[in-house]
Structure formats: structure tokens, C-alpha cells
Protein backbone atom coordinates (compact mmCIF):
# COMPACT_ATOMS: atom_id res chain seq x y z
CA MET A 1 47.38 113.20 91.69
CA SER A 2 47.94 114.33 87.86
CA LEU A 3 49.40 117.87 87.05
CA PRO A 4 48.35 119.20 84.26
CA ALA A 5 49.80 118.89 81.16
CA SER A 6 52.70 121.55 80.47
CA SER A 7 53.03 121.72 84.14
CA LEU A 8 55.29 119.04 83.97
CA THR A 9 58.14 117.89 81.78
CA PRO A 10 57.36 114.02 80.95
CA GLY A 11 59.53 111.84 82.74
CA ASP A 12 60.98 114.42 85.42
CA GLU A 13 60.91 112.38 88.25
CA LEU A 14 62.09 114.90 90.68
CA ALA A 15 59.80 117.38 89.70
CA GLU A 16 57.06 115.01 90.50
CA THR A 17 58.00 114.32 93.65
CA VAL A 18 58.50 118.35 94.51
CA ALA A 19 55.15 118.09 93.11
CA THR A 20 54.13 115.44 95.56
CA LEU A 21 55.80 117.49 98.55
CA LEU A 22 53.30 120.91 97.65
CA GLU A 23 50.79 118.50 98.03
CA GLN A 24 51.87 116.78 101.10
CA LEU A 25 52.17 120.00 102.74
CA GLY A 26 48.76 120.95 102.45
CA GLU A 27 48.77 123.07 99.08
CA ASN A 28 47.22 122.50 95.59
CA PRO A 29 50.08 122.13 92.66
CA ASP A 30 47.36 122.83 90.40
CA ARG A 31 46.64 126.31 91.29
CA GLU A 32 47.88 128.77 89.03
CA GLY A 33 51.18 130.06 91.11
CA LEU A 34 52.18 126.67 91.53
CA LEU A 35 51.69 125.08 87.97
CA ASP A 36 55.64 125.76 86.53
CA THR A 37 56.82 125.24 90.54
CA PRO A 38 57.50 121.54 90.34
CA THR A 39 59.30 121.64 87.59
CA ARG A 40 61.73 125.14 88.67
CA VAL A 41 62.55 123.74 91.97
CA ALA A 42 63.49 120.34 90.20
CA ASP A 43 65.78 122.31 87.91
CA SER A 44 66.87 124.70 90.79
CA LEU A 45 68.08 121.51 92.85
CA ARG A 46 69.86 119.73 89.66
CA PHE A 47 72.09 123.68 89.80
CA LEU A 48 72.65 123.54 93.37
CA THR A 49 73.87 120.04 93.57
CA GLU A 50 76.09 120.23 90.24
CA GLY A 51 79.37 120.16 92.07
CA TYR A 52 78.69 116.13 92.45
CA ALA A 53 79.42 115.87 88.62
CA ALA A 54 82.92 117.93 89.27
CA ASP A 55 86.25 116.19 89.40
CA PRO A 56 88.84 118.72 90.80
CA SER A 57 91.35 117.90 88.44
CA THR A 58 88.98 118.58 85.70
CA VAL A 59 88.19 121.74 87.43
CA VAL A 60 92.12 122.41 87.72
CA GLY A 61 92.61 121.09 83.93
CA ASP A 62 95.87 123.00 82.11
CA ALA A 63 96.03 125.84 84.40
CA LEU A 64 99.19 124.56 86.75
CA PHE A 65 101.68 126.48 85.59
CA ALA A 66 105.47 126.03 86.74
CA LEU A 67 107.02 129.26 88.63
CA ASP A 68 110.32 127.95 90.24
CA ASP A 69 111.04 131.41 91.17
CA TYR A 70 107.44 131.81 93.24
CA ASP A 71 107.45 130.07 97.25
CA ASP A 72 105.96 133.36 98.53
CA MET A 73 102.11 132.65 99.77
CA VAL A 74 99.21 133.08 97.20
CA VAL A 75 95.66 134.07 98.87
CA VAL A 76 92.48 134.36 96.96
CA LYS A 77 89.68 135.91 100.01
CA ASP A 78 85.93 136.27 99.78
CA ILE A 79 85.16 133.99 97.31
CA ALA A 80 81.59 133.91 97.54
CA PHE A 81 79.49 130.25 97.74
CA PHE A 82 76.02 129.05 98.57
CA SER A 83 75.69 125.66 100.06
CA MET A 84 72.61 123.57 101.21
CA CYS A 85 72.48 122.02 104.29
CA GLU A 86 72.47 118.04 104.07
CA HIS A 87 69.78 117.71 107.63
CA HIS A 88 67.35 120.47 106.52
CA LEU A 89 67.79 120.75 103.33
CA LEU A 90 68.41 125.25 103.98
CA PRO A 91 71.04 127.37 102.50
CA PHE A 92 74.52 127.89 103.96
CA PHE A 93 76.39 130.87 102.59
CA GLY A 94 79.12 133.27 102.65
CA ARG A 95 82.99 133.55 102.11
CA VAL A 96 85.56 131.09 101.07
CA HIS A 97 89.74 132.15 102.38
CA ILE A 98 92.13 130.56 100.98
CA GLY A 99 96.41 130.78 101.13
CA TYR A 100 98.33 128.12 99.45
CA VAL A 101 102.60 127.85 99.45
CA PRO A 102 103.57 126.95 95.82
CA ASP A 103 106.08 125.14 95.58
CA GLY A 104 106.85 124.65 91.59
CA LYS A 105 103.69 125.59 90.38
CA VAL A 106 101.13 128.07 90.59
CA VAL A 107 96.80 127.68 89.85
CA GLY A 108 95.54 129.64 87.49
CA LEU A 109 94.12 132.38 90.21
CA SER A 110 89.84 131.45 88.77
CA LYS A 111 90.41 128.38 89.29
CA LEU A 112 90.39 128.39 93.16
CA PRO A 113 86.60 129.88 93.37
CA ARG A 114 85.78 126.87 90.79
CA LEU A 115 87.01 124.41 93.31
CA VAL A 116 85.38 126.36 95.79
CA ASP A 117 82.37 125.60 93.83
CA ALA A 118 82.34 121.91 93.30
CA TYR A 119 82.56 121.32 96.79
CA SER A 120 79.18 124.13 98.20
CA ARG A 121 77.36 122.87 94.97
CA ARG A 122 76.20 119.35 97.02
CA LEU A 123 74.49 118.66 99.83
CA GLN A 124 76.81 119.75 102.47
CA VAL A 125 77.76 120.53 106.19
CA GLN A 126 80.67 123.27 106.28
CA GLU A 127 82.99 121.61 108.14
CA ARG A 128 83.46 118.85 105.66
CA MET A 129 83.10 121.70 102.58
CA THR A 130 85.66 123.35 104.08
CA ARG A 131 88.57 120.17 104.73
CA GLU A 132 87.30 119.03 101.06
CA ILE A 133 88.60 122.33 99.01
CA ALA A 134 91.63 122.16 100.99
CA GLU A 135 92.11 118.40 100.29
CA ALA A 136 91.32 119.23 96.67
CA ILE A 137 93.86 121.89 96.23
CA ASN A 138 96.73 119.94 98.39
CA THR A 139 96.32 116.58 96.19
CA VAL A 140 95.90 118.93 92.63
CA VAL A 141 98.27 121.40 93.45
CA SER A 142 100.91 120.19 95.67
CA PRO A 143 101.64 123.16 97.08
CA ARG A 144 103.83 123.51 100.55
CA GLY A 145 101.11 123.64 102.59
CA VAL A 146 97.47 125.29 102.32
CA GLY A 147 95.16 126.83 104.35
CA VAL A 148 91.13 127.14 104.37
CA VAL A 149 88.94 129.18 106.10
CA VAL A 150 85.05 129.20 105.61
CA ASP A 151 82.38 132.02 106.95
CA GLY A 152 79.03 130.72 106.87
CA ARG A 153 75.30 131.89 107.88
CA HIS A 154 73.12 129.06 108.23
CA LEU A 155 69.44 129.40 107.78
CA CYS A 156 68.94 126.44 109.87
CA MET A 157 69.80 128.10 112.03
CA GLU A 158 68.50 131.06 111.29
CA MET A 159 64.91 130.38 110.11
CA ARG A 160 64.40 127.01 112.47
CA GLY A 161 65.33 125.69 115.32
CA VAL A 162 68.07 128.16 117.84
CA GLU A 163 66.48 130.74 114.99
CA LYS A 164 69.77 132.87 115.74
CA GLU A 165 69.79 135.36 113.06
CA GLY A 166 73.42 136.51 112.06
CA SER A 167 75.40 133.78 113.75
CA GLN A 168 78.73 133.17 112.06
CA THR A 169 79.73 130.14 111.42
CA VAL A 170 83.75 129.59 111.12
CA THR A 171 85.83 126.56 110.02
CA SER A 172 89.37 126.11 109.02
CA CYS A 173 91.45 123.18 107.92
CA MET A 174 95.07 124.46 107.54
CA LEU A 175 97.36 121.05 105.50
CA GLY A 176 101.13 121.29 105.41
CA VAL A 177 103.46 124.37 106.18
CA PHE A 178 100.13 126.02 107.55
CA ARG A 179 99.52 123.10 110.13
CA ASP A 180 103.40 122.93 110.75
CA ASP A 181 104.76 126.53 111.08
CA GLN A 182 102.89 129.18 113.16
CA ARG A 183 104.68 132.15 111.53
CA THR A 184 103.07 130.65 108.31
CA ARG A 185 99.58 130.55 109.09
CA THR A 186 99.75 133.61 111.42
CA GLU A 187 100.71 135.55 108.00
CA PHE A 188 97.88 133.44 106.15
CA LEU A 189 95.05 134.56 109.20
CA SER A 190 95.93 138.48 109.09
CA HIS A 191 95.65 138.36 104.98
CA ILE A 192 92.68 137.26 105.41
CA HIS A 193 91.33 139.46 108.13
CA GLN A 194 92.55 142.41 106.51
CA SER A 195 90.05 145.71 105.46
CA HIS A 196 89.72 146.13 101.97
């Protein structure tokens, strides 16, 4: 297959692969509407999977702060995420809710959404992503416990397969006091289910 020289950056194998995919789907990658599509899709896929390069310790950086006199729960809820299903390469998206009980230090609040991005911007399944976020917070922040709940919609269920539009998947991972103490878990769940 040969594409016009202006449509592909030389040596961009991912864009070339997308052009081949378009051709195998029965499309003409040389038609006007598709001329820049291989490069756009390649750039989009690189952005949507940039989480592979993220290291949780680097994401948090120096945003851990000593705070010995605070040991109550911290909750950040409704963190929007977008990810790609590793089974069909279709999007899934929704909200992540995070709670943790500090043990002498707190993390800068903006770092929690950045950790969500680090794990959602990969080819994923929601169950693993939920656990990875919780374990990263547990490792980097060393709290007394952490809870993560994810509400997601999966286009692989809505656009194909069972085609159940609007269905939601909820996953959770509870570590430390969130797993061992019913009152802590209940408090966290009540926080994330409160209306704004």
C-alpha cells in the first residue's frame, strides 16, 4: 500500500499500521476524509496509553506532607477517567472515588487524579485498574488504609456484544483499615454516595 507522502510521517509504524487496518476494513486510506486519519489515530493511541510510562512515586513526587495531628479520613470522589478495554480496544469511562486514612503524612490532593490517569491511560480491565490505584496509594503514601471504588461504563458492552446501553460496572478495592474495620468502610461508602 502506498499513501500520499503528506499523510504519514516517515517511520511512524503505528500510523502505517492504522492505514493498513483501514484498508483491511474495506476503506480507501487515500480518500480525502481519511488522509490524516492514520496519524491522528496513532497520536490518539499514544496519548490514551501514556500511563505505561508513569511511575507512581514520580507522579506523587515531593507532594507528601508530614501531618502527625491529622488521622481522619481523606476522600476525593468523582475523579473522571477514560480508559481502553484491553479485550476490544474500546473505551470505558466513569468515576473513581478514593479514600485513605493517613498515618503521619498526607498526599497533595491533585496527585490522586494523576495516579488515576497513570493507571487508566493503559489497555485495562476495570477490576485490575481499581486494585492498581489502591496498591499505588498504599505503597507511596503508606496510609493506615485505602479504599477505591470505580463506577464505569464499557462501550464493549454497549456498542457490541450484549448491547446494554447505560449499564454500569462497580469495582472496589479495600486495604488496611478499610478492609478490616466495618465502620471505616461504611464511613467511606457513605461519603462517596452523598449527593453534592
